[in-house]
Amino acid sequence: MTTAYDVKIVSTGAFVPGEPLDNATLEKFVGPLPDDVLEGIQVKTRYWMIDPDTGEHLINNTRMAEKATRQALRRAGMEPEDLDLIVVCTATPEYTLPNVATTLQHYLGLESVAAIEIRGACAGWVQAMDLARRQLADGTARTALVVGSEAGSPVLAPHFLGMDPDRVRMRDRLMLYTFGDGAGAVIMRAEPAGENGPADEFAFVNACVGGLRKPGMQIIGGGTDVPQEEQLQRRQLIQMKIDVPGTSTFGPQVFVRAIKEMAAKDGRSLGEFDAIVLPEGNADYFADEFEHAGLSPDEIAALDGRVVENLAEVGATGSAAVPLSLDAGWTSGRIKPGDRIVLLGIEASRYVYTGLALTWHAPTPT
């Protein structure tokens, strides 16, 4: 007979590297953005794992993941040895192999643990959460660590290092002002169902809706798309490209589809959720398109005060975006025990959305 397990989030952790890099300081390195564009992206500060003067790496992706993990473990009153499952999501690993989860395992001093990496960027961390949740629920694991970590600044650095700031292309400046680095972690625990009341109910949605569209974002280079000799002839070994018109118009449509499906799957209206963790939810270029994308005025009004995000403080952080926003929401008291929350990730490369609805139980940390 298979035992059913009840799964809960025990704690979160977060880490961002170095000192905040504000817009005035960034302008000295990469040139200015028009005021209306700055207002639209909403980012006021971001954190980079590189020194913007030299491009030197001050920390790496997995060390950021380790720092977020150790904070989450301390808050949970646990040690690394309590973990039997690690799932890490990133789009910017140090190496193709070994996978980031196994490197994090090494840094935590664990000889043996299940270690899985998901390459899913903004939507991938929620996918990682659901994967871990399912393994906990069926008894495969007892305590899981789920980390989203991103080190985008080394990819961005070649767009401005060694250049006159006034000669940095405007489309590159938009990326440089938008993206930041960091890591967020969650500890999840399984207990036999019924020991602490009725089991929690989770709802999960996941789809790629841009399979026939031009990619909204690409990171080109360092892979196997063409021979290495051809890669070395490119202007930049690794280049980030964003379809700005496509992401700004189709991204909100993806969100609307995701949140409507999430509400239907959970059997609730938007107004019945206490918090919707959506890292880019308050950016003007995103929120201004909600009605055009299909949300009714009542549904837009229901979102008011429910979106939990910290884009202005940390920038767009890819795989780390949802867990960093979740950590900020929990530690600030915005997310409280008993709240029904949604974790929602929107990923622009092929327009993937993923959402997980759950009830929050962890008391606000002191």
Protein backbone atom coordinates (compact mmCIF):
# COMPACT_ATOMS: atom_id res chain seq x y z
CA MET A 1 0.00 0.00 0.00
CA THR A 2 1.38 3.41 -1.00
CA THR A 3 1.39 6.08 1.70
CA ALA A 4 0.13 9.51 0.69
CA TYR A 5 2.15 12.52 1.81
CA ASP A 6 1.21 16.11 2.46
CA VAL A 7 3.68 18.64 1.03
CA LYS A 8 4.35 22.11 2.42
CA ILE A 9 6.85 24.88 1.85
CA VAL A 10 8.90 25.28 5.02
CA SER A 11 11.08 28.27 4.20
CA THR A 12 12.66 30.40 1.50
CA GLY A 13 16.07 31.96 0.98
CA ALA A 14 17.48 34.63 -1.32
CA PHE A 15 20.80 36.01 -2.44
CA VAL A 16 21.84 38.84 -4.74
CA PRO A 17 25.53 39.59 -5.37
CA GLY A 18 27.44 42.73 -4.50
CA GLU A 19 26.05 46.21 -4.09
CA PRO A 20 22.96 47.48 -5.89
CA LEU A 21 23.77 48.96 -9.29
CA ASP A 22 21.40 51.88 -9.79
CA ASN A 23 20.44 53.48 -13.08
CA ALA A 24 22.66 56.54 -12.66
CA THR A 25 25.72 54.36 -12.05
CA LEU A 26 24.87 51.98 -14.89
CA GLU A 27 24.55 54.92 -17.29
CA LYS A 28 28.26 55.65 -16.82
CA PHE A 29 29.10 52.21 -18.23
CA VAL A 30 26.48 51.67 -20.93
CA GLY A 31 24.98 55.05 -21.77
CA PRO A 32 21.48 56.38 -21.05
CA LEU A 33 18.01 55.11 -21.79
CA PRO A 34 15.17 57.54 -22.53
CA ASP A 35 13.19 58.42 -19.40
CA ASP A 36 9.96 56.92 -20.75
CA VAL A 37 11.71 53.61 -21.48
CA LEU A 38 13.23 53.53 -18.00
CA GLU A 39 9.80 54.19 -16.53
CA GLY A 40 8.34 51.41 -18.63
CA ILE A 41 10.74 48.68 -17.57
CA GLN A 42 10.41 49.78 -13.90
CA VAL A 43 13.89 48.56 -12.88
CA LYS A 44 15.63 50.97 -10.48
CA THR A 45 18.49 48.73 -9.29
CA ARG A 46 19.96 45.37 -10.17
CA TYR A 47 22.79 43.19 -8.84
CA TRP A 48 25.56 41.77 -11.01
CA MET A 49 28.01 38.99 -10.23
CA ILE A 50 30.62 40.78 -12.36
CA ASP A 51 32.59 43.94 -11.72
CA PRO A 52 31.15 46.32 -14.35
CA ASP A 53 34.54 48.05 -14.64
CA THR A 54 36.47 44.93 -15.62
CA GLY A 55 34.03 42.07 -16.19
CA GLU A 56 35.78 40.09 -13.45
CA HIS A 57 33.58 37.43 -11.84
CA LEU A 58 33.11 38.15 -8.15
CA ILE A 59 31.08 34.97 -7.50
CA ASN A 60 29.58 32.26 -9.70
CA ASN A 61 26.10 30.93 -10.37
CA THR A 62 26.25 27.91 -8.06
CA ARG A 63 27.82 29.84 -5.18
CA MET A 64 24.85 32.22 -5.37
CA ALA A 65 22.56 29.18 -5.25
CA GLU A 66 24.49 27.89 -2.24
CA LYS A 67 24.08 31.17 -0.35
CA ALA A 68 20.31 31.24 -0.97
CA THR A 69 20.14 27.58 0.06
CA ARG A 70 21.99 28.06 3.33
CA GLN A 71 19.70 30.93 4.28
CA ALA A 72 16.63 28.80 3.55
CA LEU A 73 18.09 25.94 5.60
CA ARG A 74 18.82 28.24 8.56
CA ARG A 75 15.28 29.58 8.51
CA ALA A 76 13.93 26.03 8.43
CA GLY A 77 16.19 24.88 11.27
CA MET A 78 17.72 22.26 8.99
CA GLU A 79 21.13 21.13 7.81
CA PRO A 80 22.20 20.13 4.29
CA GLU A 81 22.15 16.50 5.42
CA ASP A 82 18.37 16.76 5.82
CA LEU A 83 17.96 17.09 2.04
CA ASP A 84 17.34 14.09 -0.16
CA LEU A 85 16.32 15.93 -3.35
CA ILE A 86 17.84 19.00 -5.03
CA VAL A 87 16.25 20.54 -8.11
CA VAL A 88 17.95 23.57 -9.64
CA CYS A 89 16.73 25.71 -12.51
CA THR A 90 19.08 28.00 -14.44
CA ALA A 91 19.73 29.17 -17.99
CA THR A 92 23.30 30.30 -17.25
CA PRO A 93 25.28 27.42 -15.72
CA GLU A 94 29.03 27.51 -15.33
CA TYR A 95 29.39 24.33 -17.34
CA THR A 96 27.34 22.20 -19.71
CA LEU A 97 28.34 19.30 -17.43
CA PRO A 98 28.35 18.58 -14.54
CA ASN A 99 24.87 19.88 -13.94
CA VAL A 100 24.38 22.76 -11.53
CA ALA A 101 22.44 20.67 -9.02
CA THR A 102 25.38 18.30 -8.57
CA THR A 103 27.79 21.22 -8.18
CA LEU A 104 25.50 22.68 -5.51
CA GLN A 105 25.44 19.25 -3.87
CA HIS A 106 29.26 19.35 -3.79
CA TYR A 107 29.30 22.84 -2.24
CA LEU A 108 26.84 21.67 0.43
CA GLY A 109 29.13 18.75 1.30
CA LEU A 110 26.64 16.02 0.43
CA GLU A 111 28.01 12.66 -0.68
CA SER A 112 24.71 11.35 -2.00
CA VAL A 113 21.43 13.05 -2.91
CA ALA A 114 19.05 13.10 -5.87
CA ALA A 115 20.15 16.06 -8.01
CA ILE A 116 18.21 17.37 -11.02
CA GLU A 117 18.78 20.41 -13.24
CA ILE A 118 16.06 22.07 -15.29
CA ARG A 119 17.03 24.48 -18.06
CA GLY A 120 13.89 26.56 -18.06
CA ALA A 121 14.66 30.22 -17.16
CA CYS A 122 11.69 32.31 -15.99
CA ALA A 123 9.13 29.49 -16.16
CA GLY A 124 11.49 26.70 -15.21
CA TRP A 125 11.61 27.28 -11.48
CA VAL A 126 7.87 26.70 -11.14
CA GLN A 127 8.30 23.53 -13.21
CA ALA A 128 11.05 22.53 -10.77
CA MET A 129 8.71 23.18 -7.85
CA ASP A 130 6.05 20.92 -9.31
CA LEU A 131 8.57 18.17 -10.09
CA ALA A 132 9.82 18.25 -6.49
CA ARG A 133 6.29 18.46 -5.12
CA ARG A 134 5.28 15.31 -6.99
CA GLN A 135 8.31 13.35 -5.76
CA LEU A 136 7.56 14.43 -2.21
CA ALA A 137 3.88 13.58 -2.52
CA ASP A 138 4.54 10.03 -3.69
CA GLY A 139 7.21 9.35 -1.06
CA THR A 140 10.20 9.34 -3.41
CA ALA A 141 11.76 12.10 -1.29
CA ARG A 142 11.09 13.57 2.14
CA THR A 143 12.80 16.98 2.04
CA ALA A 144 13.49 18.88 -1.16
CA LEU A 145 15.48 21.97 -2.06
CA VAL A 146 14.30 23.88 -5.14
CA VAL A 147 16.59 26.65 -6.38
CA GLY A 148 16.37 29.16 -9.20
CA SER A 149 19.69 30.88 -9.96
CA GLU A 150 20.83 33.12 -12.79
CA ALA A 151 24.11 34.73 -13.77
CA GLY A 152 23.18 36.86 -16.74
CA SER A 153 25.75 39.64 -16.33
CA PRO A 154 28.65 37.62 -17.84
CA VAL A 155 26.51 37.20 -20.96
CA LEU A 156 25.69 40.91 -20.99
CA ALA A 157 29.26 42.11 -20.36
CA PRO A 158 30.54 41.81 -23.97
CA HIS A 159 27.79 44.21 -25.06
CA PHE A 160 29.55 47.11 -23.29
CA LEU A 161 32.98 46.23 -21.87
CA GLY A 162 35.76 48.22 -23.51
CA MET A 163 33.31 50.38 -25.43
CA ASP A 164 32.50 54.07 -25.37
CA PRO A 165 29.16 54.13 -23.49
CA ASP A 166 27.69 56.40 -26.16
CA ARG A 167 28.36 53.73 -28.78
CA VAL A 168 26.49 50.93 -26.99
CA ARG A 169 23.48 50.05 -29.14
CA MET A 170 20.11 51.11 -27.76
CA ARG A 171 18.70 47.56 -28.00
CA ASP A 172 21.68 46.34 -25.96
CA ARG A 173 21.16 49.08 -23.39
CA LEU A 174 17.59 47.89 -22.91
CA MET A 175 18.86 44.44 -21.89
CA LEU A 176 21.61 45.89 -19.71
CA TYR A 177 19.16 48.02 -17.76
CA THR A 178 16.64 45.17 -17.45
CA PHE A 179 18.54 42.13 -16.22
CA GLY A 180 20.10 41.24 -12.88
CA ASP A 181 21.68 38.22 -11.19
CA GLY A 182 20.68 36.31 -8.08
CA ALA A 183 19.32 33.11 -6.58
CA GLY A 184 16.24 32.10 -4.66
CA ALA A 185 15.59 28.86 -2.79
CA VAL A 186 12.69 27.01 -1.22
CA ILE A 187 12.69 24.09 1.22
CA MET A 188 9.74 21.71 0.85
CA ARG A 189 8.87 18.94 3.30
CA ALA A 190 6.57 15.93 3.12
CA GLU A 191 4.70 14.49 6.08
CA PRO A 192 2.30 11.53 6.10
CA ALA A 193 -1.11 12.81 5.07
CA GLY A 194 -3.53 13.37 7.93
CA GLU A 195 -0.94 14.02 10.63
CA ASN A 196 -1.50 17.77 10.53
CA GLY A 197 -5.05 18.05 9.24
CA PRO A 198 -6.29 17.65 5.67
CA ALA A 199 -3.72 17.48 2.90
CA ASP A 200 -3.02 20.61 0.90
CA GLU A 201 -4.35 20.80 -2.63
CA PHE A 202 -2.08 21.98 -5.42
CA ALA A 203 -3.04 23.06 -8.93
CA PHE A 204 -0.51 23.19 -11.77
CA VAL A 205 -0.59 24.56 -15.32
CA ASN A 206 2.15 24.49 -17.92
CA ALA A 207 2.30 25.09 -21.68
CA CYS A 208 4.48 26.44 -24.46
CA VAL A 209 2.33 28.66 -26.68
CA GLY A 210 5.01 30.05 -28.97
CA GLY A 211 6.07 26.94 -30.84
CA LEU A 212 5.36 28.52 -34.21
CA ARG A 213 6.48 32.05 -33.32
CA LYS A 214 9.82 33.80 -33.63
CA PRO A 215 11.72 33.32 -30.35
CA GLY A 216 11.17 36.16 -27.94
CA MET A 217 14.66 35.74 -26.53
CA GLN A 218 17.77 33.83 -27.54
CA ILE A 219 21.17 33.25 -26.01
CA ILE A 220 23.38 32.30 -28.94
CA GLY A 221 26.86 30.82 -28.65
CA GLY A 222 28.67 28.29 -26.54
CA GLY A 223 26.40 25.52 -27.80
CA THR A 224 26.44 23.17 -30.76
CA ASP A 225 24.43 25.14 -33.33
CA VAL A 226 27.43 25.53 -35.66
CA PRO A 227 31.06 24.36 -35.58
CA GLN A 228 33.28 26.05 -32.99
CA GLU A 229 35.36 27.64 -35.76
CA GLU A 230 32.28 29.49 -36.97
CA GLN A 231 31.32 30.48 -33.45
CA LEU A 232 34.74 32.07 -32.91
CA GLN A 233 34.18 34.27 -35.95
CA ARG A 234 31.05 35.86 -34.47
CA ARG A 235 31.19 39.43 -33.19
CA GLN A 236 30.51 38.06 -29.71
CA LEU A 237 31.11 34.50 -28.55
CA ILE A 238 27.85 34.56 -26.57
CA GLN A 239 25.10 36.99 -27.50
CA MET A 240 21.70 37.69 -25.97
CA LYS A 241 19.00 38.75 -28.42
CA ILE A 242 15.50 39.93 -27.51
CA ASP A 243 12.54 40.50 -29.81
CA VAL A 244 11.35 43.61 -27.97
CA PRO A 245 8.15 44.19 -30.03
CA GLY A 246 7.24 40.52 -29.80
CA THR A 247 7.76 40.15 -26.07
CA SER A 248 6.00 43.39 -25.21
CA THR A 249 2.89 42.52 -27.24
CA PHE A 250 2.68 38.72 -26.95
CA GLY A 251 4.04 38.41 -23.39
CA PRO A 252 0.90 39.91 -21.82
CA GLN A 253 -1.25 37.55 -23.88
CA VAL A 254 0.71 34.62 -22.48
CA PHE A 255 0.16 35.94 -18.96
CA VAL A 256 -3.58 36.35 -19.49
CA ARG A 257 -3.88 32.83 -20.82
CA ALA A 258 -1.83 31.51 -17.91
CA ILE A 259 -3.68 33.29 -15.12
CA LYS A 260 -7.11 32.43 -16.55
CA GLU A 261 -6.12 28.77 -16.86
CA MET A 262 -4.64 28.83 -13.36
CA ALA A 263 -7.82 30.27 -11.85
CA ALA A 264 -9.99 27.73 -13.68
CA LYS A 265 -7.74 24.84 -12.64
CA ASP A 266 -7.89 25.96 -9.00
CA GLY A 267 -11.64 26.62 -9.14
CA ARG A 268 -11.30 30.26 -8.06
CA SER A 269 -11.73 33.74 -9.42
CA LEU A 270 -8.71 36.05 -9.48
CA GLY A 271 -10.14 37.95 -6.54
CA GLU A 272 -10.08 34.79 -4.41
CA PHE A 273 -6.29 34.51 -4.52
CA ASP A 274 -4.45 36.33 -1.75
CA ALA A 275 -1.22 36.76 -3.69
CA ILE A 276 -0.05 36.22 -7.25
CA VAL A 277 3.74 36.02 -7.41
CA LEU A 278 4.49 37.41 -10.85
CA PRO A 279 7.92 39.06 -11.11
CA GLU A 280 7.14 41.35 -14.07
CA GLY A 281 3.50 41.94 -13.18
CA ASN A 282 3.77 45.65 -12.44
CA ALA A 283 6.05 46.65 -15.33
CA ASP A 284 4.25 49.19 -17.48
CA TYR A 285 5.08 47.48 -20.76
CA PHE A 286 3.41 44.36 -19.37
CA ALA A 287 0.47 45.55 -17.28
CA ASP A 288 -0.68 48.20 -19.74
CA GLU A 289 -1.52 45.45 -22.23
CA PHE A 290 -3.68 43.30 -19.94
CA GLU A 291 -7.02 44.56 -21.20
CA HIS A 292 -5.99 44.29 -24.83
CA ALA A 293 -4.78 40.75 -24.10
CA GLY A 294 -8.19 39.68 -22.79
CA LEU A 295 -8.58 40.52 -19.10
CA SER A 296 -11.85 42.21 -18.24
CA PRO A 297 -11.87 45.47 -16.24
CA ASP A 298 -13.13 43.50 -13.23
CA GLU A 299 -10.29 40.98 -13.57
CA ILE A 300 -7.73 43.77 -13.87
CA ALA A 301 -9.19 45.38 -10.76
CA ALA A 302 -8.94 42.02 -8.96
CA LEU A 303 -5.19 41.94 -9.66
CA ASP A 304 -4.69 45.28 -7.92
CA GLY A 305 -2.90 44.69 -4.64
CA ARG A 306 -2.50 40.96 -5.26
CA VAL A 307 0.60 40.93 -7.47
CA VAL A 308 3.78 40.23 -5.50
CA GLU A 309 6.98 41.28 -7.26
CA ASN A 310 10.32 43.01 -6.67
CA LEU A 311 11.34 43.89 -10.22
CA ALA A 312 12.30 47.48 -9.35
CA GLU A 313 14.79 46.30 -6.72
CA VAL A 314 16.49 43.34 -8.44
CA GLY A 315 15.65 43.55 -12.14
CA ALA A 316 14.60 40.64 -14.32
CA THR A 317 16.46 37.63 -12.92
CA GLY A 318 15.28 34.73 -15.09
CA SER A 319 15.23 31.47 -13.17
CA ALA A 320 15.60 33.34 -9.88
CA ALA A 321 12.73 35.77 -10.51
CA VAL A 322 9.83 33.86 -8.96
CA PRO A 323 11.70 32.58 -5.86
CA LEU A 324 13.23 36.02 -5.21
CA SER A 325 9.77 37.60 -5.42
CA LEU A 326 8.35 34.87 -3.21
CA ASP A 327 11.07 35.40 -0.61
CA ALA A 328 10.44 39.15 -0.60
CA GLY A 329 6.70 38.57 -0.23
CA TRP A 330 7.13 36.13 2.66
CA THR A 331 9.80 37.98 4.62
CA SER A 332 7.91 41.29 4.34
CA GLY A 333 4.71 39.72 5.69
CA ARG A 334 2.88 40.26 2.42
CA ILE A 335 2.36 36.46 2.19
CA LYS A 336 0.95 35.01 5.40
CA PRO A 337 -0.11 31.60 6.75
CA GLY A 338 -3.44 30.57 5.26
CA ASP A 339 -3.01 32.61 2.08
CA ARG A 340 -3.89 30.94 -1.20
CA ILE A 341 -1.12 31.96 -3.56
CA VAL A 342 -0.11 31.47 -7.19
CA LEU A 343 3.48 31.15 -8.38
CA LEU A 344 3.48 32.20 -12.03
CA GLY A 345 6.40 32.20 -14.45
CA ILE A 346 6.41 33.54 -18.02
CA GLU A 347 9.42 32.65 -20.18
CA ALA A 348 9.93 34.53 -23.43
CA SER A 349 12.26 32.37 -25.52
CA ARG A 350 9.39 30.20 -26.77
CA TYR A 351 6.66 31.72 -24.61
CA VAL A 352 6.32 29.09 -21.92
CA TYR A 353 4.04 29.68 -18.96
CA THR A 354 3.81 27.69 -15.80
CA GLY A 355 1.79 28.19 -12.64
CA LEU A 356 1.39 26.49 -9.28
CA ALA A 357 -1.38 27.29 -6.79
CA LEU A 358 -0.90 26.33 -3.15
CA THR A 359 -1.76 27.32 0.40
CA TRP A 360 0.98 29.04 2.37
CA HIS A 361 1.77 27.74 5.87
CA ALA A 362 5.18 29.01 6.95
CA PRO A 363 5.00 31.75 9.63
CA THR A 364 6.69 35.04 8.81
CA PRO A 365 10.37 34.81 9.83
CA THR A 366 11.61 36.99 12.67
